[in-house]
Amino acid sequence: MNGKWVRAKDQWLPDSLKADGAESVTHQMPLSWGGNVLAVPYGQDKLQLPQGKRFALVLDGSYSMNHHQPEINQTFKWLEQNVLQQNQADLYLTATDPIKPQRWDNIQIFDPKTIQFYGSMEPRTMLSQFLELRQDRAYDGVIFITDPGSYELSQDQKAVLDFPEPLWFVHLGGLQMAYDDATLQAIQDSGGGIGTSLEEVAYRLGTQPTLGENTSFLNLTDGYAWFLSQTPNATASTDEGFYPVNTRQWIAQLGEAVKPGELSQLDTIHALAKDQEIVTPYSSMLVLVNDAQRTALKNAEQQGDRFNRELEDQQLPQPSSALESNIMGVPEPEEWLLIAVALGLLIGVHRQRQLNQLSSTP
């Protein structure tokens, strides 16, 4: 990694690699129809907090949140000191039966240390509780405070929750591994996003960069502001190594406007992802090991529901009976040594018992 050997861990690759001495510059990627995606460096000193807005905070009431009590306390302390002075917020506490979910209109008197986290719920269930409690209240953003969660507990959902305002997930303790389609679509369709702290999300909600005419703002993350420009930028770098990053942001923007049934547009997005070899909500990384799997994938790509993922719990394929009959377990040399040692110990124990019996006989 970067020319040096590193110690292997449980994961194949790290989440990120630190750039040593790299200077941030504006990157540009031309689009086939003439537009351009620009990635412009955007420093911390330019970030702004929201002003005069009203937000809904939805707090995960699951038992697993007990492990993140310090982060929860810090989150609400930061909220009070930095956001509530210039904005309004309502708090929604989700809950598992028999406890009922509730809404706190006066969030200033809320003490997170008094909450009893209990049970287990999916994000979709908790967001449904919020939608029932909100009634006709309008917000500038909905922020769902949760933990990394467990994708394995998710159920395959088809109906998408409708959010007229941006829906943001704040994962305390680390990002979630994956989302079911309905939850992911709710985040995308609403123009929301995902973060690991309330501070990060608040700055992204409050900062709206602009480059003037003939440009539109796409996203703000990882120290860059992304724009769609009708004209090329003469000073921007066109290094193709940055194209996958720009493509990911462009696909995220396209995903907000495309509906699940529009297969031709989804195919176009998928082609962009395949061209840049990136994983997106519309593309995956698959390892095919035989012709049967390749044929199955080719057939699946022709189906009308090819962009509808399903939650599955697949087991590793079992060997055929013909193969099983020809397989014999042959120990490695180290295993032979272990077996010999084990036999020696058993023989020693057996002989000691015989000696003990002889010595105790009158």
Protein backbone atom coordinates (compact mmCIF):
# COMPACT_ATOMS: atom_id res chain seq x y z
CA MET A 1 0.00 0.00 0.00
CA ASN A 2 1.70 3.17 -1.24
CA GLY A 3 4.83 1.03 -1.75
CA LYS A 4 4.86 -0.36 1.80
CA TRP A 5 3.76 -3.63 3.33
CA VAL A 6 0.89 -3.29 5.81
CA ARG A 7 -0.60 -5.76 8.24
CA ALA A 8 -3.71 -7.50 6.92
CA LYS A 9 -6.96 -7.02 8.81
CA ASP A 10 -10.45 -8.45 8.55
CA GLN A 11 -11.32 -6.33 5.51
CA TRP A 12 -9.74 -6.56 2.07
CA LEU A 13 -9.09 -2.85 1.69
CA PRO A 14 -9.18 0.11 4.10
CA ASP A 15 -12.00 2.64 3.93
CA SER A 16 -9.58 5.28 2.71
CA LEU A 17 -5.91 6.03 2.06
CA LYS A 18 -4.27 9.18 3.33
CA ALA A 19 -2.91 11.43 0.60
CA ASP A 20 0.61 12.54 1.48
CA GLY A 21 1.48 16.03 0.32
CA ALA A 22 -1.25 16.18 -2.31
CA GLU A 23 -2.57 19.64 -3.15
CA SER A 24 -6.31 19.95 -3.75
CA VAL A 25 -7.10 21.37 -7.19
CA THR A 26 -10.23 21.80 -9.30
CA HIS A 27 -11.03 18.68 -11.31
CA GLN A 28 -13.21 18.56 -14.40
CA MET A 29 -14.98 15.72 -16.21
CA PRO A 30 -16.68 16.36 -19.59
CA LEU A 31 -20.08 14.78 -20.19
CA SER A 32 -21.19 13.29 -23.51
CA TRP A 33 -23.84 15.98 -24.13
CA GLY A 34 -21.42 18.88 -23.60
CA GLY A 35 -21.76 19.67 -19.91
CA ASN A 36 -19.03 19.28 -17.31
CA VAL A 37 -18.84 18.06 -13.73
CA LEU A 38 -16.54 20.25 -11.62
CA ALA A 39 -15.01 19.32 -8.26
CA VAL A 40 -13.83 22.51 -6.55
CA PRO A 41 -11.78 22.42 -3.30
CA TYR A 42 -13.86 23.79 -0.44
CA GLY A 43 -12.12 24.44 2.88
CA GLN A 44 -13.53 24.24 6.41
CA ASP A 45 -13.33 28.02 6.69
CA LYS A 46 -16.06 28.38 4.06
CA LEU A 47 -18.60 26.14 5.77
CA GLN A 48 -21.72 27.70 7.29
CA LEU A 49 -24.36 26.54 9.75
CA PRO A 50 -28.09 26.85 8.99
CA GLN A 51 -29.88 30.06 9.85
CA GLY A 52 -33.60 30.49 10.53
CA LYS A 53 -34.50 26.88 9.69
CA ARG A 54 -36.70 24.28 11.33
CA PHE A 55 -35.58 20.66 11.61
CA ALA A 56 -36.99 17.36 12.84
CA LEU A 57 -34.61 15.13 14.79
CA VAL A 58 -35.59 11.45 14.94
CA LEU A 59 -33.72 9.49 17.62
CA ASP A 60 -33.29 5.72 17.29
CA GLY A 61 -34.76 4.13 20.42
CA SER A 62 -33.25 0.66 19.86
CA TYR A 63 -31.28 -1.14 22.56
CA SER A 64 -28.07 -0.97 20.53
CA MET A 65 -27.98 2.81 21.06
CA ASN A 66 -26.93 2.14 24.68
CA HIS A 67 -23.44 1.49 23.32
CA HIS A 68 -23.30 5.05 21.93
CA GLN A 69 -24.51 7.03 24.95
CA PRO A 70 -21.40 9.27 25.06
CA GLU A 71 -21.82 10.18 21.37
CA ILE A 72 -25.53 10.85 21.91
CA ASN A 73 -24.81 13.20 24.82
CA GLN A 74 -22.15 15.00 22.80
CA THR A 75 -24.48 15.28 19.79
CA PHE A 76 -27.27 16.99 21.72
CA LYS A 77 -24.81 19.24 23.55
CA TRP A 78 -23.35 20.40 20.20
CA LEU A 79 -26.88 20.88 18.86
CA GLU A 80 -27.84 23.16 21.74
CA GLN A 81 -24.66 25.23 21.54
CA ASN A 82 -24.40 25.64 17.76
CA VAL A 83 -27.77 25.11 16.06
CA LEU A 84 -30.68 25.82 18.38
CA GLN A 85 -29.58 29.43 18.94
CA GLN A 86 -30.45 30.32 15.33
CA ASN A 87 -32.87 27.52 14.38
CA GLN A 88 -35.83 25.51 15.66
CA ALA A 89 -36.03 21.73 16.10
CA ASP A 90 -38.60 19.15 17.17
CA LEU A 91 -37.45 15.81 18.61
CA TYR A 92 -39.12 12.49 17.83
CA LEU A 93 -38.32 9.51 20.07
CA THR A 94 -38.96 6.15 18.43
CA ALA A 95 -39.90 3.16 20.56
CA THR A 96 -40.69 -0.55 20.57
CA ASP A 97 -43.96 -1.91 22.01
CA PRO A 98 -45.20 -1.57 24.66
CA ILE A 99 -43.46 1.83 24.84
CA LYS A 100 -45.04 4.42 22.55
CA PRO A 101 -43.11 6.84 20.32
CA GLN A 102 -43.40 10.49 21.27
CA ARG A 103 -42.66 14.01 20.08
CA TRP A 104 -40.83 16.64 22.11
CA ASP A 105 -41.79 20.14 21.00
CA ASN A 106 -39.45 21.75 23.54
CA ILE A 107 -36.14 20.10 22.73
CA GLN A 108 -34.22 22.48 25.04
CA ILE A 109 -35.41 20.59 28.12
CA PHE A 110 -34.60 17.15 26.70
CA ASP A 111 -31.93 15.19 28.57
CA PRO A 112 -30.61 12.22 26.52
CA LYS A 113 -29.21 10.61 29.68
CA THR A 114 -32.75 9.82 30.87
CA ILE A 115 -33.73 7.78 27.80
CA GLN A 116 -34.14 4.01 28.16
CA PHE A 117 -33.14 2.38 24.88
CA TYR A 118 -35.06 -0.84 24.37
CA GLY A 119 -35.86 -3.45 21.73
CA SER A 120 -34.86 -3.61 18.07
CA MET A 121 -36.37 -1.78 15.10
CA GLU A 122 -35.58 -1.26 11.45
CA PRO A 123 -34.97 2.32 10.24
CA ARG A 124 -38.08 2.09 8.07
CA THR A 125 -40.26 1.34 11.12
CA MET A 126 -38.83 4.27 13.06
CA LEU A 127 -39.25 6.65 10.14
CA SER A 128 -42.86 5.48 9.78
CA GLN A 129 -43.41 6.38 13.44
CA PHE A 130 -42.07 9.86 12.71
CA LEU A 131 -44.38 10.32 9.71
CA GLU A 132 -47.39 9.43 11.87
CA LEU A 133 -46.41 11.84 14.65
CA ARG A 134 -45.39 14.81 12.52
CA GLN A 135 -48.95 15.44 11.26
CA ASP A 136 -48.83 18.52 9.00
CA ARG A 137 -45.63 20.07 10.39
CA ALA A 138 -43.23 21.37 7.73
CA TYR A 139 -39.45 21.10 8.11
CA ASP A 140 -36.36 22.19 6.23
CA GLY A 141 -34.76 18.81 6.90
CA VAL A 142 -35.27 15.53 8.76
CA ILE A 143 -32.22 14.15 10.62
CA PHE A 144 -32.36 10.53 11.76
CA ILE A 145 -29.82 9.83 14.53
CA THR A 146 -28.97 6.14 14.70
CA ASP A 147 -26.00 3.73 14.91
CA PRO A 148 -24.34 1.49 12.28
CA GLY A 149 -27.36 -0.82 12.49
CA SER A 150 -27.61 -4.35 11.15
CA TYR A 151 -28.43 -4.80 7.48
CA GLU A 152 -29.03 -8.52 8.13
CA LEU A 153 -32.14 -7.62 10.17
CA SER A 154 -33.68 -5.65 7.29
CA GLN A 155 -36.74 -6.85 5.43
CA ASP A 156 -37.18 -6.54 1.68
CA GLN A 157 -39.46 -3.52 1.26
CA LYS A 158 -41.00 -2.23 -1.96
CA ALA A 159 -43.02 0.83 -0.87
CA VAL A 160 -40.90 3.97 -0.51
CA LEU A 161 -41.45 6.44 2.33
CA ASP A 162 -42.25 9.91 1.03
CA PHE A 163 -40.25 12.83 2.45
CA PRO A 164 -40.92 16.32 1.03
CA GLU A 165 -37.77 17.61 2.73
CA PRO A 166 -34.19 16.23 2.70
CA LEU A 167 -33.78 13.08 4.81
CA TRP A 168 -30.36 12.72 6.44
CA PHE A 169 -28.99 9.74 8.36
CA VAL A 170 -26.44 10.35 11.13
CA HIS A 171 -24.71 7.07 12.04
CA LEU A 172 -22.99 7.35 15.42
CA GLY A 173 -20.12 4.90 15.69
CA GLY A 174 -19.64 4.29 11.98
CA LEU A 175 -21.50 3.99 8.70
CA GLN A 176 -24.03 1.27 8.00
CA MET A 177 -22.87 -1.47 5.63
CA ALA A 178 -25.90 -1.26 3.32
CA TYR A 179 -29.53 -0.14 3.06
CA ASP A 180 -32.65 -1.79 1.75
CA ASP A 181 -33.90 -0.32 -1.52
CA ALA A 182 -36.85 1.57 -0.02
CA THR A 183 -34.72 3.37 2.57
CA LEU A 184 -31.99 4.21 0.07
CA GLN A 185 -34.51 5.57 -2.40
CA ALA A 186 -36.13 7.73 0.31
CA ILE A 187 -32.74 9.31 1.03
CA GLN A 188 -31.97 9.87 -2.66
CA ASP A 189 -35.40 11.10 -3.76
CA SER A 190 -35.55 13.65 -0.94
CA GLY A 191 -32.12 15.10 -1.75
CA GLY A 192 -30.73 13.98 1.59
CA GLY A 193 -27.57 12.14 2.50
CA ILE A 194 -25.55 10.25 5.10
CA GLY A 195 -23.00 11.31 7.71
CA THR A 196 -21.32 10.16 10.90
CA SER A 197 -21.93 13.25 13.04
CA LEU A 198 -24.61 15.90 13.43
CA GLU A 199 -21.95 18.56 12.94
CA GLU A 200 -21.07 17.23 9.48
CA VAL A 201 -24.72 17.11 8.40
CA ALA A 202 -25.54 20.55 9.82
CA TYR A 203 -22.72 22.19 7.87
CA ARG A 204 -23.77 20.43 4.69
CA LEU A 205 -27.35 21.63 5.20
CA GLY A 206 -26.27 25.19 5.89
CA THR A 207 -23.65 25.62 3.15
CA GLN A 208 -24.81 26.31 -0.40
CA PRO A 209 -21.79 27.11 -2.62
CA THR A 210 -22.21 28.86 -5.95
CA LEU A 211 -20.04 29.52 -9.03
CA GLY A 212 -22.36 31.99 -10.69
CA GLU A 213 -24.20 31.70 -14.00
CA ASN A 214 -24.24 28.53 -16.12
CA THR A 215 -23.49 26.34 -13.08
CA SER A 216 -25.65 24.45 -10.60
CA PHE A 217 -24.62 23.07 -7.22
CA LEU A 218 -24.59 19.25 -6.89
CA ASN A 219 -23.05 18.26 -3.56
CA LEU A 220 -20.63 19.20 -0.79
CA THR A 221 -18.52 16.49 0.83
CA ASP A 222 -14.94 15.37 1.52
CA GLY A 223 -13.47 18.86 1.11
CA TYR A 224 -14.95 19.45 -2.37
CA ALA A 225 -17.99 21.22 -3.78
CA TRP A 226 -19.39 19.61 -6.92
CA PHE A 227 -21.08 21.59 -9.69
CA LEU A 228 -22.63 20.97 -13.09
CA SER A 229 -21.27 23.52 -15.56
CA GLN A 230 -22.52 24.20 -19.08
CA THR A 231 -19.09 25.45 -20.13
CA PRO A 232 -15.63 23.95 -19.49
CA ASN A 233 -13.26 25.45 -16.93
CA ALA A 234 -10.01 26.46 -18.62
CA THR A 235 -7.90 26.09 -15.45
CA ALA A 236 -9.35 22.80 -14.16
CA SER A 237 -7.43 19.53 -14.26
CA THR A 238 -8.77 16.85 -16.59
CA ASP A 239 -6.90 13.99 -14.92
CA GLU A 240 -8.92 10.87 -15.76
CA GLY A 241 -7.86 9.32 -12.46
CA PHE A 242 -10.40 11.62 -10.78
CA TYR A 243 -13.23 10.66 -13.17
CA PRO A 244 -14.63 7.86 -10.95
CA VAL A 245 -15.07 10.35 -8.08
CA ASN A 246 -16.83 12.88 -10.32
CA THR A 247 -18.94 10.12 -11.87
CA ARG A 248 -20.14 9.00 -8.43
CA GLN A 249 -21.40 12.51 -7.66
CA TRP A 250 -23.01 12.84 -11.09
CA ILE A 251 -24.82 9.51 -10.68
CA ALA A 252 -26.08 10.59 -7.24
CA GLN A 253 -27.57 13.70 -8.87
CA LEU A 254 -29.18 11.70 -11.67
CA GLY A 255 -30.62 9.26 -9.15
CA GLU A 256 -32.74 12.00 -7.58
CA ALA A 257 -34.63 12.55 -10.85
CA VAL A 258 -34.92 8.99 -12.15
CA LYS A 259 -37.79 6.77 -11.05
CA PRO A 260 -37.46 3.00 -10.64
CA GLY A 261 -39.62 2.22 -13.69
CA GLU A 262 -37.58 4.28 -16.15
CA LEU A 263 -35.36 1.43 -17.32
CA SER A 264 -33.71 3.27 -20.21
CA GLN A 265 -32.44 6.02 -17.90
CA LEU A 266 -31.40 3.48 -15.27
CA ASP A 267 -29.48 1.58 -17.94
CA THR A 268 -27.69 4.81 -18.87
CA ILE A 269 -26.68 5.36 -15.24
CA HIS A 270 -25.55 1.75 -14.99
CA ALA A 271 -23.42 2.14 -18.11
CA LEU A 272 -21.68 5.16 -16.55
CA ALA A 273 -20.91 3.14 -13.42
CA LYS A 274 -19.55 0.19 -15.42
CA ASP A 275 -17.41 2.48 -17.57
CA GLN A 276 -15.70 3.92 -14.46
CA GLU A 277 -15.80 0.59 -12.58
CA ILE A 278 -17.47 1.97 -9.45
CA VAL A 279 -20.08 0.54 -7.08
CA THR A 280 -23.25 2.64 -6.87
CA PRO A 281 -26.92 2.06 -6.01
CA TYR A 282 -27.27 0.96 -9.64
CA SER A 283 -24.15 -1.20 -10.00
CA SER A 284 -22.40 -3.95 -8.06
CA MET A 285 -19.06 -5.72 -7.90
CA LEU A 286 -19.61 -9.38 -8.76
CA VAL A 287 -17.21 -12.31 -8.87
CA LEU A 288 -18.33 -14.96 -11.37
CA VAL A 289 -16.52 -18.30 -11.19
CA ASN A 290 -18.32 -20.49 -13.74
CA ASP A 291 -20.36 -20.36 -16.93
CA ALA A 292 -23.62 -21.06 -15.10
CA GLN A 293 -23.21 -17.90 -13.04
CA ARG A 294 -22.30 -15.86 -16.12
CA THR A 295 -25.40 -17.13 -17.92
CA ALA A 296 -27.58 -16.37 -14.88
CA LEU A 297 -26.23 -12.81 -14.74
CA LYS A 298 -26.80 -12.29 -18.47
CA ASN A 299 -30.40 -13.48 -18.13
CA ALA A 300 -30.98 -11.29 -15.06
CA GLU A 301 -29.75 -8.22 -16.95
CA GLN A 302 -32.58 -8.71 -19.46
CA GLN A 303 -35.38 -8.78 -16.89
CA GLY A 304 -37.76 -5.88 -16.40
CA ASP A 305 -37.04 -5.83 -12.65
CA ARG A 306 -33.25 -5.93 -13.06
CA PHE A 307 -32.79 -2.89 -10.83
CA ASN A 308 -34.92 -4.27 -7.99
CA ARG A 309 -32.59 -5.88 -5.47
CA GLU A 310 -33.76 -8.58 -3.09
CA LEU A 311 -32.56 -9.43 0.38
CA GLU A 312 -31.20 -12.95 0.32
CA ASP A 313 -29.39 -15.24 2.71
CA GLN A 314 -27.43 -17.42 0.34
CA GLN A 315 -25.35 -20.34 1.54
CA LEU A 316 -22.19 -21.49 -0.17
CA PRO A 317 -22.91 -24.10 -2.87
CA GLN A 318 -22.56 -27.68 -1.72
CA PRO A 319 -20.40 -30.13 -3.71
CA SER A 320 -22.22 -32.70 -5.81
CA SER A 321 -22.51 -36.32 -4.62
CA ALA A 322 -20.12 -37.43 -7.36
CA LEU A 323 -17.54 -34.94 -6.15
CA GLU A 324 -18.08 -35.85 -2.52
CA SER A 325 -17.36 -39.52 -3.22
CA ASN A 326 -13.93 -38.61 -4.60
CA ILE A 327 -12.91 -36.28 -1.79
CA MET A 328 -10.85 -37.52 1.14
CA GLY A 329 -9.60 -35.47 4.04
CA VAL A 330 -5.80 -35.60 4.00
CA PRO A 331 -4.14 -33.87 6.96
CA GLU A 332 -1.31 -31.46 6.36
CA PRO A 333 2.12 -32.22 7.96
CA GLU A 334 1.39 -29.88 10.86
CA GLU A 335 -1.89 -31.68 11.45
CA TRP A 336 -0.10 -35.05 11.55
CA LEU A 337 2.13 -33.67 14.31
CA LEU A 338 -0.91 -32.43 16.25
CA ILE A 339 -2.57 -35.83 15.90
CA ALA A 340 0.58 -37.60 17.15
CA VAL A 341 0.84 -35.31 20.17
CA ALA A 342 -2.85 -35.81 20.98
CA LEU A 343 -2.50 -39.61 20.75
CA GLY A 344 0.57 -39.49 22.97
CA LEU A 345 -1.32 -37.53 25.62
CA LEU A 346 -4.27 -39.93 25.51
CA ILE A 347 -1.97 -42.94 25.88
CA GLY A 348 -0.21 -41.25 28.82
CA VAL A 349 -3.51 -40.52 30.57
CA HIS A 350 -4.69 -44.10 30.01
CA ARG A 351 -1.50 -45.59 31.47
CA GLN A 352 -1.59 -43.26 34.47
CA ARG A 353 -5.14 -44.42 35.23
CA GLN A 354 -4.00 -48.06 35.06
CA LEU A 355 -1.14 -47.37 37.47
CA ASN A 356 -3.51 -45.59 39.85
CA GLN A 357 -5.87 -48.56 39.79
CA LEU A 358 -3.00 -51.02 40.48
CA SER A 359 -1.68 -48.95 43.37
CA SER A 360 -5.11 -48.77 44.99
CA THR A 361 -5.69 -52.54 44.73
CA PRO A 362 -5.06 -54.34 48.13
